[in-house]
Amino acid sequence: MATDAQQACFEAGIKFGSLYHQFAGTPVSPRSTRSLETAIAESIENQPFCESVTVAIDDDAVAADIDHENGYTELSGHLLEVDMRIAYDGVTVSTRMEMEDGYPLMKLVEVVETDD
């Protein structure tokens, strides 16, 4: 049986998996970054135990990735930074996705158990 802390970490992993694989490949342009950030965050916040999601798309990196006349590129991990907070039965898990050594790494930042 999983502990509450383990279950909270599992829930965070599920949310990162759905976030990344649902939105990777989405067309994005400098004009659409803010609305896409909001759509991603609100979509993931619908999931159980999700307290908050903050998505930041790097405008400069989006512009640099556009290599054709259509004015957009595909969303990928190197364009994103994501912070997420998951709460499960007295445990709050803070997570982050950011580039590390050329890879969009998803990691636990903090696991806090509250006294009930």
N, C-alpha and C. Protein backbone atom coordinates (compact mmCIF):
# COMPACT_ATOMS: atom_id res chain seq x y z
N MET A 1 0.84 -1.18 0.00
CA MET A 1 0.00 0.00 0.00
C MET A 1 0.88 1.25 0.00
N ALA A 2 0.56 2.19 -0.82
CA ALA A 2 1.33 3.43 -0.93
C ALA A 2 1.01 4.36 0.24
N THR A 3 2.02 5.08 0.68
CA THR A 3 1.79 6.11 1.68
C THR A 3 1.11 7.31 1.01
N ASP A 4 0.59 8.22 1.82
CA ASP A 4 -0.02 9.43 1.26
C ASP A 4 1.01 10.25 0.48
N ALA A 5 2.24 10.32 0.98
CA ALA A 5 3.29 11.06 0.28
C ALA A 5 3.60 10.41 -1.07
N GLN A 6 3.68 9.09 -1.10
CA GLN A 6 3.93 8.38 -2.36
C GLN A 6 2.78 8.59 -3.33
N GLN A 7 1.57 8.56 -2.84
CA GLN A 7 0.41 8.76 -3.71
C GLN A 7 0.39 10.18 -4.26
N ALA A 8 0.74 11.17 -3.43
CA ALA A 8 0.80 12.56 -3.89
C ALA A 8 1.85 12.71 -4.99
N CYS A 9 3.00 12.07 -4.82
CA CYS A 9 4.05 12.12 -5.85
C CYS A 9 3.59 11.42 -7.13
N PHE A 10 2.91 10.31 -7.00
CA PHE A 10 2.35 9.62 -8.16
C PHE A 10 1.37 10.52 -8.90
N GLU A 11 0.50 11.20 -8.16
CA GLU A 11 -0.47 12.11 -8.78
C GLU A 11 0.24 13.22 -9.55
N ALA A 12 1.33 13.73 -9.00
CA ALA A 12 2.11 14.75 -9.71
C ALA A 12 2.66 14.20 -11.01
N GLY A 13 3.16 12.98 -10.98
CA GLY A 13 3.68 12.35 -12.19
C GLY A 13 2.62 12.17 -13.26
N ILE A 14 1.43 11.78 -12.85
CA ILE A 14 0.32 11.62 -13.79
C ILE A 14 0.00 12.96 -14.46
N LYS A 15 -0.01 14.02 -13.67
CA LYS A 15 -0.34 15.34 -14.23
C LYS A 15 0.74 15.82 -15.20
N PHE A 16 2.01 15.60 -14.85
CA PHE A 16 3.08 15.98 -15.78
C PHE A 16 3.01 15.17 -17.07
N GLY A 17 2.73 13.89 -16.94
CA GLY A 17 2.62 13.06 -18.14
C GLY A 17 1.51 13.52 -19.06
N SER A 18 0.36 13.83 -18.49
CA SER A 18 -0.74 14.28 -19.34
C SER A 18 -0.46 15.66 -19.90
N LEU A 19 0.15 16.55 -19.11
CA LEU A 19 0.48 17.88 -19.60
C LEU A 19 1.43 17.79 -20.78
N TYR A 20 2.51 17.08 -20.61
CA TYR A 20 3.53 17.04 -21.65
C TYR A 20 3.01 16.35 -22.91
N HIS A 21 2.41 15.20 -22.75
CA HIS A 21 2.01 14.44 -23.94
C HIS A 21 0.73 14.94 -24.58
N GLN A 22 -0.08 15.66 -23.85
CA GLN A 22 -1.27 16.25 -24.45
C GLN A 22 -0.93 17.48 -25.27
N PHE A 23 0.05 18.27 -24.83
CA PHE A 23 0.30 19.56 -25.47
C PHE A 23 1.55 19.61 -26.34
N ALA A 24 2.46 18.65 -26.23
CA ALA A 24 3.64 18.64 -27.10
C ALA A 24 3.16 18.55 -28.54
N GLY A 25 3.71 19.40 -29.38
CA GLY A 25 3.32 19.43 -30.79
C GLY A 25 2.26 20.46 -31.12
N THR A 26 1.68 21.10 -30.09
CA THR A 26 0.67 22.12 -30.33
C THR A 26 1.31 23.31 -31.06
N PRO A 27 0.70 23.82 -32.12
CA PRO A 27 1.24 25.00 -32.77
C PRO A 27 1.24 26.19 -31.80
N VAL A 28 2.36 26.92 -31.76
CA VAL A 28 2.49 28.08 -30.88
C VAL A 28 3.28 29.17 -31.61
N SER A 29 2.84 30.39 -31.42
CA SER A 29 3.53 31.56 -31.98
C SER A 29 3.70 32.58 -30.87
N PRO A 30 4.53 33.58 -31.08
CA PRO A 30 4.65 34.61 -30.06
C PRO A 30 3.30 35.26 -29.71
N ARG A 31 2.39 35.28 -30.63
CA ARG A 31 1.08 35.88 -30.40
C ARG A 31 0.17 34.98 -29.54
N SER A 32 0.45 33.69 -29.50
CA SER A 32 -0.47 32.78 -28.80
C SER A 32 0.08 32.20 -27.50
N THR A 33 1.27 32.62 -27.08
CA THR A 33 1.87 31.98 -25.89
C THR A 33 1.04 32.16 -24.64
N ARG A 34 0.53 33.37 -24.37
CA ARG A 34 -0.22 33.60 -23.13
C ARG A 34 -1.50 32.75 -23.10
N SER A 35 -2.23 32.71 -24.20
CA SER A 35 -3.48 31.93 -24.20
C SER A 35 -3.19 30.44 -24.07
N LEU A 36 -2.08 29.98 -24.65
CA LEU A 36 -1.73 28.57 -24.52
C LEU A 36 -1.30 28.24 -23.10
N GLU A 37 -0.55 29.14 -22.46
CA GLU A 37 -0.19 28.95 -21.06
C GLU A 37 -1.44 28.75 -20.20
N THR A 38 -2.42 29.62 -20.41
CA THR A 38 -3.67 29.55 -19.64
C THR A 38 -4.42 28.26 -19.92
N ALA A 39 -4.51 27.88 -21.19
CA ALA A 39 -5.23 26.65 -21.56
C ALA A 39 -4.57 25.42 -20.93
N ILE A 40 -3.25 25.36 -20.96
CA ILE A 40 -2.55 24.21 -20.38
C ILE A 40 -2.80 24.16 -18.88
N ALA A 41 -2.59 25.28 -18.19
CA ALA A 41 -2.77 25.32 -16.73
C ALA A 41 -4.19 24.95 -16.33
N GLU A 42 -5.17 25.54 -16.99
CA GLU A 42 -6.56 25.26 -16.63
C GLU A 42 -6.94 23.81 -16.93
N SER A 43 -6.40 23.26 -17.98
CA SER A 43 -6.69 21.86 -18.31
C SER A 43 -6.17 20.92 -17.22
N ILE A 44 -4.94 21.12 -16.80
CA ILE A 44 -4.35 20.24 -15.79
C ILE A 44 -4.99 20.47 -14.43
N GLU A 45 -5.36 21.71 -14.12
CA GLU A 45 -6.01 22.01 -12.84
C GLU A 45 -7.35 21.30 -12.68
N ASN A 46 -7.95 20.85 -13.78
CA ASN A 46 -9.20 20.09 -13.70
C ASN A 46 -9.01 18.72 -13.06
N GLN A 47 -7.81 18.22 -13.04
CA GLN A 47 -7.57 16.86 -12.55
C GLN A 47 -7.62 16.81 -11.03
N PRO A 48 -7.97 15.64 -10.51
CA PRO A 48 -8.08 15.50 -9.04
C PRO A 48 -6.77 15.83 -8.32
N PHE A 49 -6.89 16.45 -7.17
CA PHE A 49 -5.81 16.75 -6.24
C PHE A 49 -4.88 17.87 -6.71
N CYS A 50 -5.15 18.47 -7.84
CA CYS A 50 -4.29 19.52 -8.37
C CYS A 50 -4.72 20.86 -7.77
N GLU A 51 -3.82 21.47 -6.99
CA GLU A 51 -4.12 22.77 -6.37
C GLU A 51 -3.78 23.93 -7.28
N SER A 52 -2.65 23.85 -7.97
CA SER A 52 -2.28 24.95 -8.86
C SER A 52 -1.27 24.49 -9.91
N VAL A 53 -1.32 25.17 -11.04
CA VAL A 53 -0.39 24.93 -12.14
C VAL A 53 -0.01 26.30 -12.70
N THR A 54 1.27 26.53 -12.86
CA THR A 54 1.76 27.74 -13.50
C THR A 54 2.60 27.32 -14.70
N VAL A 55 2.25 27.83 -15.88
CA VAL A 55 2.95 27.49 -17.10
C VAL A 55 3.56 28.77 -17.67
N ALA A 56 4.83 28.71 -18.02
CA ALA A 56 5.50 29.83 -18.68
C ALA A 56 6.12 29.32 -19.97
N ILE A 57 5.72 29.94 -21.08
CA ILE A 57 6.30 29.62 -22.38
C ILE A 57 7.28 30.74 -22.73
N ASP A 58 8.48 30.37 -23.10
CA ASP A 58 9.55 31.32 -23.39
C ASP A 58 9.33 31.96 -24.76
N ASP A 59 8.90 33.22 -24.75
CA ASP A 59 8.59 33.93 -26.00
C ASP A 59 9.79 34.01 -26.94
N ASP A 60 10.97 34.28 -26.39
CA ASP A 60 12.16 34.40 -27.23
C ASP A 60 12.51 33.06 -27.88
N ALA A 61 12.38 31.98 -27.12
CA ALA A 61 12.67 30.66 -27.67
C ALA A 61 11.64 30.27 -28.74
N VAL A 62 10.38 30.64 -28.54
CA VAL A 62 9.35 30.38 -29.55
C VAL A 62 9.72 31.10 -30.84
N ALA A 63 10.04 32.38 -30.74
CA ALA A 63 10.40 33.16 -31.92
C ALA A 63 11.62 32.58 -32.61
N ALA A 64 12.60 32.14 -31.84
CA ALA A 64 13.82 31.57 -32.41
C ALA A 64 13.57 30.24 -33.11
N ASP A 65 12.57 29.50 -32.67
CA ASP A 65 12.26 28.19 -33.26
C ASP A 65 11.47 28.27 -34.56
N ILE A 66 10.90 29.42 -34.86
CA ILE A 66 10.08 29.55 -36.08
C ILE A 66 11.02 29.59 -37.28
N ASP A 67 10.93 28.55 -38.12
CA ASP A 67 11.85 28.45 -39.25
C ASP A 67 11.13 28.36 -40.59
N HIS A 68 9.89 28.82 -40.64
CA HIS A 68 9.15 28.83 -41.91
C HIS A 68 8.22 30.04 -41.93
N GLU A 69 7.66 30.30 -43.07
CA GLU A 69 6.85 31.51 -43.26
C GLU A 69 5.49 31.47 -42.59
N ASN A 70 5.08 30.36 -42.01
CA ASN A 70 3.76 30.28 -41.41
C ASN A 70 3.67 30.94 -40.03
N GLY A 71 4.80 31.29 -39.43
CA GLY A 71 4.79 32.08 -38.21
C GLY A 71 4.54 31.34 -36.92
N TYR A 72 4.73 30.03 -36.89
CA TYR A 72 4.56 29.30 -35.64
C TYR A 72 5.57 28.16 -35.58
N THR A 73 5.70 27.59 -34.40
CA THR A 73 6.50 26.40 -34.20
C THR A 73 5.67 25.42 -33.38
N GLU A 74 6.23 24.26 -33.09
CA GLU A 74 5.53 23.27 -32.26
C GLU A 74 6.01 23.38 -30.83
N LEU A 75 5.07 23.32 -29.90
CA LEU A 75 5.41 23.35 -28.49
C LEU A 75 6.23 22.12 -28.13
N SER A 76 7.32 22.34 -27.42
CA SER A 76 8.13 21.22 -26.92
C SER A 76 8.70 21.62 -25.56
N GLY A 77 9.30 20.67 -24.91
CA GLY A 77 9.76 20.87 -23.54
C GLY A 77 10.71 22.02 -23.34
N HIS A 78 11.56 22.29 -24.32
CA HIS A 78 12.55 23.36 -24.13
C HIS A 78 11.91 24.75 -24.14
N LEU A 79 10.64 24.84 -24.51
CA LEU A 79 9.94 26.12 -24.51
C LEU A 79 9.18 26.38 -23.22
N LEU A 80 9.11 25.39 -22.34
CA LEU A 80 8.23 25.44 -21.17
C LEU A 80 8.96 25.45 -19.84
N GLU A 81 8.39 26.15 -18.88
CA GLU A 81 8.68 25.94 -17.47
C GLU A 81 7.32 25.79 -16.79
N VAL A 82 7.21 24.79 -15.95
CA VAL A 82 5.93 24.48 -15.30
C VAL A 82 6.17 24.26 -13.82
N ASP A 83 5.34 24.88 -12.99
CA ASP A 83 5.30 24.61 -11.56
C ASP A 83 3.92 24.06 -11.24
N MET A 84 3.89 23.03 -10.40
CA MET A 84 2.62 22.41 -10.06
C MET A 84 2.61 22.09 -8.57
N ARG A 85 1.43 22.23 -7.97
CA ARG A 85 1.26 21.86 -6.56
C ARG A 85 0.10 20.89 -6.47
N ILE A 86 0.36 19.75 -5.86
CA ILE A 86 -0.62 18.68 -5.70
C ILE A 86 -0.85 18.47 -4.20
N ALA A 87 -2.11 18.35 -3.81
CA ALA A 87 -2.44 18.08 -2.41
C ALA A 87 -3.22 16.79 -2.33
N TYR A 88 -2.75 15.86 -1.50
CA TYR A 88 -3.40 14.57 -1.35
C TYR A 88 -3.37 14.17 0.12
N ASP A 89 -4.53 14.10 0.75
CA ASP A 89 -4.68 13.61 2.13
C ASP A 89 -3.59 14.10 3.09
N GLY A 90 -3.44 15.41 3.19
CA GLY A 90 -2.51 15.96 4.16
C GLY A 90 -1.08 16.08 3.66
N VAL A 91 -0.83 15.80 2.40
CA VAL A 91 0.50 15.94 1.83
C VAL A 91 0.42 16.90 0.65
N THR A 92 1.32 17.87 0.64
CA THR A 92 1.40 18.79 -0.50
C THR A 92 2.74 18.58 -1.19
N VAL A 93 2.66 18.37 -2.50
CA VAL A 93 3.84 18.12 -3.31
C VAL A 93 4.02 19.30 -4.26
N SER A 94 5.20 19.90 -4.24
CA SER A 94 5.54 20.95 -5.20
C SER A 94 6.49 20.36 -6.23
N THR A 95 6.21 20.63 -7.50
CA THR A 95 6.99 20.05 -8.59
C THR A 95 7.36 21.14 -9.58
N ARG A 96 8.33 20.82 -10.45
CA ARG A 96 8.77 21.78 -11.45
C ARG A 96 9.28 21.03 -12.67
N MET A 97 8.99 21.59 -13.84
CA MET A 97 9.60 21.11 -15.08
C MET A 97 10.39 22.26 -15.66
N GLU A 98 11.69 22.02 -15.89
CA GLU A 98 12.55 23.02 -16.49
C GLU A 98 13.68 22.31 -17.22
N MET A 99 14.34 23.03 -18.09
CA MET A 99 15.44 22.45 -18.83
C MET A 99 16.63 22.20 -17.91
N GLU A 100 17.20 21.02 -18.04
CA GLU A 100 18.41 20.67 -17.31
C GLU A 100 19.25 19.79 -18.21
N ASP A 101 20.43 20.27 -18.52
CA ASP A 101 21.34 19.56 -19.42
C ASP A 101 20.68 19.21 -20.75
N GLY A 102 19.90 20.15 -21.29
CA GLY A 102 19.27 19.96 -22.60
C GLY A 102 18.04 19.08 -22.60
N TYR A 103 17.50 18.79 -21.42
CA TYR A 103 16.34 17.90 -21.32
C TYR A 103 15.29 18.56 -20.43
N PRO A 104 14.00 18.48 -20.81
CA PRO A 104 12.95 19.04 -19.95
C PRO A 104 12.70 18.10 -18.76
N LEU A 105 13.37 18.37 -17.66
CA LEU A 105 13.33 17.50 -16.49
C LEU A 105 12.15 17.85 -15.60
N MET A 106 11.39 16.85 -15.21
CA MET A 106 10.26 17.01 -14.29
C MET A 106 10.72 16.47 -12.94
N LYS A 107 10.62 17.29 -11.90
CA LYS A 107 11.18 16.87 -10.62
C LYS A 107 10.34 17.33 -9.44
N LEU A 108 10.53 16.62 -8.33
CA LEU A 108 9.94 17.01 -7.06
C LEU A 108 10.79 18.13 -6.48
N VAL A 109 10.14 19.17 -6.01
CA VAL A 109 10.84 20.27 -5.36
C VAL A 109 10.71 20.14 -3.85
N GLU A 110 9.49 19.76 -3.41
CA GLU A 110 9.24 19.67 -1.98
C GLU A 110 8.05 18.76 -1.71
N VAL A 111 8.13 17.99 -0.64
CA VAL A 111 7.02 17.17 -0.17
C VAL A 111 6.80 17.56 1.29
N VAL A 112 5.60 18.08 1.59
CA VAL A 112 5.29 18.56 2.93
C VAL A 112 4.07 17.80 3.46
N GLU A 113 4.26 17.18 4.62
CA GLU A 113 3.14 16.52 5.28
C GLU A 113 2.64 17.44 6.39
N THR A 114 1.33 17.70 6.39
CA THR A 114 0.76 18.56 7.41
C THR A 114 0.24 17.72 8.56
N ASP A 115 0.27 18.29 9.73
CA ASP A 115 -0.26 17.61 10.91
C ASP A 115 -1.77 17.80 10.95
N ASP A 116 -2.48 16.73 11.01
CA ASP A 116 -3.96 16.81 11.07
C ASP A 116 -4.46 16.39 12.42
